[in-house]
Structure formats: C-alpha cells, structure tokens
Protein backbone atom coordinates (compact mmCIF):
# COMPACT_ATOMS: atom_id res chain seq x y z
CA MET A 1 8.48 13.63 -12.41
CA GLU A 2 12.46 13.02 -12.48
CA ASN A 3 13.69 9.71 -13.33
CA ALA A 4 15.48 10.05 -9.94
CA THR A 5 11.84 10.61 -7.91
CA ARG A 6 10.52 7.92 -9.42
CA ASN A 7 13.11 5.20 -8.57
CA LYS A 8 12.91 6.55 -4.55
CA ILE A 9 8.68 5.72 -4.05
CA LYS A 10 9.39 2.57 -6.22
CA GLY A 11 11.74 1.78 -3.36
CA ILE A 12 9.27 2.85 -0.79
CA ALA A 13 6.32 1.24 -2.58
CA ILE A 14 8.38 -2.28 -2.53
CA TYR A 15 9.22 -1.70 0.96
CA GLN A 16 5.85 -1.24 1.98
CA ILE A 17 4.58 -4.21 -0.07
CA ALA A 18 7.13 -6.64 1.19
CA GLY A 19 6.85 -5.23 4.86
CA GLY A 20 3.13 -6.20 4.57
CA ILE A 21 3.37 -9.70 3.08
CA LEU A 22 6.31 -10.55 5.80
CA GLY A 23 3.81 -9.42 8.47
CA ILE A 24 1.07 -11.41 7.29
CA ILE A 25 3.17 -14.62 6.50
CA LEU A 26 4.84 -14.11 10.35
CA THR A 27 1.08 -13.20 11.94
CA ALA A 28 -0.02 -16.43 10.23
CA TRP A 29 3.35 -18.94 11.25
CA VAL A 30 2.87 -17.58 15.26
CA MET A 31 -1.10 -18.11 15.58
CA TYR A 32 -0.98 -21.43 13.17
CA SER A 33 2.33 -22.97 14.24
CA SER A 34 3.22 -22.38 17.86
CA GLY A 35 0.43 -24.53 19.82
CA MET A 36 -1.41 -21.29 20.33
CA VAL A 37 -5.19 -21.44 21.05
CA ILE A 38 -6.61 -19.78 18.63
CA ASP A 39 -9.98 -17.91 20.43
CA GLN A 40 -12.55 -15.28 19.98
CA ASN A 41 -9.68 -12.87 21.03
CA ALA A 42 -7.12 -14.26 19.24
CA LEU A 43 -8.98 -14.47 15.91
CA ARG A 44 -10.23 -10.88 16.50
CA MET A 45 -6.18 -9.57 17.08
CA GLY A 46 -4.76 -11.61 13.79
CA LEU A 47 -7.63 -9.91 11.87
CA LEU A 48 -6.57 -6.36 12.89
CA ALA A 49 -2.60 -7.07 12.46
CA ALA A 50 -3.67 -8.80 9.06
CA GLY A 51 -6.08 -5.85 8.09
CA LEU A 52 -2.81 -3.25 8.85
CA PHE A 53 -0.31 -5.38 7.24
CA VAL A 54 -2.58 -5.26 3.92
CA PHE A 55 -2.81 -1.46 4.10
CA SER A 56 0.71 -1.47 3.97
CA ILE A 57 0.37 -3.84 0.71
CA LEU A 58 -2.63 -0.91 -0.77
CA CYS A 59 -0.26 1.62 0.00
CA GLY A 60 2.64 0.56 -1.92
CA ARG A 61 0.11 -0.22 -4.39
CA MET A 62 -0.78 2.97 -4.71
CA LEU A 63 2.17 4.40 -5.17
CA PHE A 64 2.75 2.62 -8.35
CA ARG A 65 -0.79 4.21 -9.98
CA ASN A 66 -1.10 7.46 -8.21
CA PRO A 67 2.27 8.63 -6.59
CA ALA A 68 0.61 11.85 -4.91
CA ARG A 69 -2.13 9.54 -3.21
CA GLY A 70 0.29 7.03 -2.63
CA LEU A 71 2.36 9.14 -0.99
CA ARG A 72 -0.16 10.74 1.74
CA LEU A 73 -1.72 7.20 2.45
CA SER A 74 1.94 5.67 2.90
CA ILE A 75 2.43 8.71 5.31
CA VAL A 76 -0.66 7.65 7.38
CA ASN A 77 0.58 3.91 7.11
CA GLN A 78 4.23 5.52 9.05
CA VAL A 79 2.59 7.88 11.61
CA LEU A 80 1.08 4.43 13.13
CA GLN A 81 4.76 2.72 13.03
CA VAL A 82 6.35 6.26 14.77
CA ILE A 83 5.70 4.86 18.61
CA TYR A 84 5.64 1.86 20.30
CA PHE A 85 4.15 1.44 24.31
CA SER A 86 3.13 -0.85 26.53
CA PHE A 87 1.37 0.46 29.63
CA GLY A 88 -0.21 -1.41 32.40
CA THR A 89 -3.00 -2.73 30.54
CA TYR A 90 -2.65 -1.27 27.16
CA GLY A 91 0.05 -1.22 24.78
CA PHE A 92 0.14 -0.67 20.97
CA GLN A 93 3.34 -1.50 18.20
CA TYR A 94 2.54 -2.22 14.60
CA VAL A 95 5.63 -2.63 12.54
CA ALA A 96 5.25 -3.07 8.28
CA GLY A 97 8.98 -3.79 6.84
CA LEU A 98 12.18 -2.43 9.88
CA ARG A 99 12.06 -0.81 13.17
CA ILE A 100 15.38 0.61 14.46
CA GLY A 101 13.59 1.89 17.98
CA ILE A 102 14.75 4.08 20.69
CA GLY A 103 12.93 4.01 24.03
CA VAL A 104 12.70 3.71 27.69
CA ASP A 105 11.76 0.46 29.57
CA MET A 106 10.68 1.44 32.60
CA VAL A 107 10.00 -1.91 34.80
CA GLY A 108 12.56 -1.33 37.68
CA SER A 109 14.65 1.78 36.77
CA TRP A 110 14.02 3.67 33.88
CA VAL A 111 16.55 2.05 31.38
CA PHE A 112 17.46 2.81 27.55
CA LYS A 113 16.75 0.66 25.13
CA PHE A 114 18.32 -0.12 21.42
CA ARG A 115 15.43 -2.18 19.37
CA VAL A 116 15.32 -3.88 15.76
CA ALA A 117 12.29 -5.72 14.53
CA LEU A 118 10.67 -6.77 11.39
CA SER A 119 7.00 -7.24 10.87
CA SER A 120 5.32 -7.26 13.84
CA PHE A 121 2.13 -6.43 15.64
CA HIS A 122 1.71 -6.41 19.30
CA PHE A 123 -1.57 -4.89 20.95
CA ASN A 124 -3.55 -5.16 24.57
CA LEU A 125 -6.19 -3.45 26.09
CA ASP A 126 -7.30 -4.55 29.67
CA THR A 127 -4.52 -7.13 29.80
CA ASP A 128 -1.62 -6.31 32.13
CA ILE A 129 1.86 -8.18 30.87
CA GLY A 130 3.83 -6.25 33.15
CA GLN A 131 6.12 -4.54 30.83
CA LYS A 132 6.09 -0.39 30.56
CA PHE A 133 8.11 1.16 27.83
CA ILE A 134 7.61 3.45 25.27
CA GLY A 135 9.72 3.98 22.13
CA ILE A 136 10.13 5.60 18.55
CA ASN A 137 10.58 4.06 15.61
CA LEU A 138 13.49 5.82 13.93
CA VAL A 139 13.10 3.95 10.66
CA ALA A 140 9.31 4.98 10.18
CA LEU A 141 10.21 8.72 11.19
CA PHE A 142 12.99 8.49 8.71
CA LEU A 143 10.69 7.38 5.80
CA ILE A 144 7.78 10.01 7.19
CA PHE A 145 10.22 12.93 6.22
CA TRP A 146 11.29 11.65 3.32
CA MET A 147 7.97 11.17 1.85
CA GLU A 148 7.21 14.26 2.22
CA GLN A 149 9.88 15.81 1.03
CA LEU A 150 9.23 13.40 -2.28
CA MET A 151 5.18 14.80 -2.12
CA GLU A 152 7.00 18.70 -2.81
CA LYS A 153 8.39 17.09 -5.81
CA VAL A 154 5.56 15.06 -6.95
CA LYS A 155 3.51 18.10 -6.58
CA ASP A 156 5.81 20.24 -9.15
C-alpha cells in the first residue's frame, strides 16, 4: 500500500476517533450539566448514543490495525450518518464528527435548510416534538465515496 493511501486512511481514522470522543463528551455534558432529569428513557438514549460513538472510535482503531476491515466498518458507520430525519413521532440523527447537511423543513411550508453540526445524536420514538424535516449529511456521503476508492487501493 502506498504511503499517500496510508496517510489518507490515518486521517479518516483520526477523524472517526475524534468524532466519537467528542460525541461521548457532549452527550455526558448534556445529560449531567443541563439540569436534565435522568430517567430510565434518558439513560437508554444516552447509552444508545454512547454505543454509536464508541462504534465510531472502534472503526477508527480498526483502520490502524486492519485497513481493509476498518474501511468496511467505517463505511457502515458513515451510512448511519448520511440521512437524518424527524417526522411526527419518529426521528433519528447521528453524527460522529462533522455534519454539513442540506435538507427540507416541512413545518408550515417547505423550506430548504443548510445545517452544520458537530458530533450529535437525536432519537425519538412515540414522542411528537412538532418537527418535520429530512436531510442529507454531505460530509458522510463524501467519506463513503472516498473510502470506497481507498478500499480498491487497499485490495491491490
């Protein structure tokens, strides 16, 4: 494997590890310093978020140990981050790293929005928060295409 390819894989690994660590820190900060009542549901959501952020960290570590397998797992991690949405009582948003998103907010009228976020997690089930939007994380989409190209170089 070429040195340039190794450096690109290392960059992706560092990005995923940093995004996962930042996500865990921000999740803990929101849960414990915002005066939020931590009930059983909040704890479950916090653990789900932490699990996804730990998965991002493990994907980054795997890129250092076994680049081919790490790239496959990293693509799965990025696929989870491509689409974010909230419709009525259902919503999902997961970002481990950076999100530069374009989407449509459908409350009232259709408004196209550009959103930027750092590591974040949002999940709602049977909770109507009055939002209706769908978006695409362009950073995750770019990383998927880039990692697919790197997979072909790693195979050679």
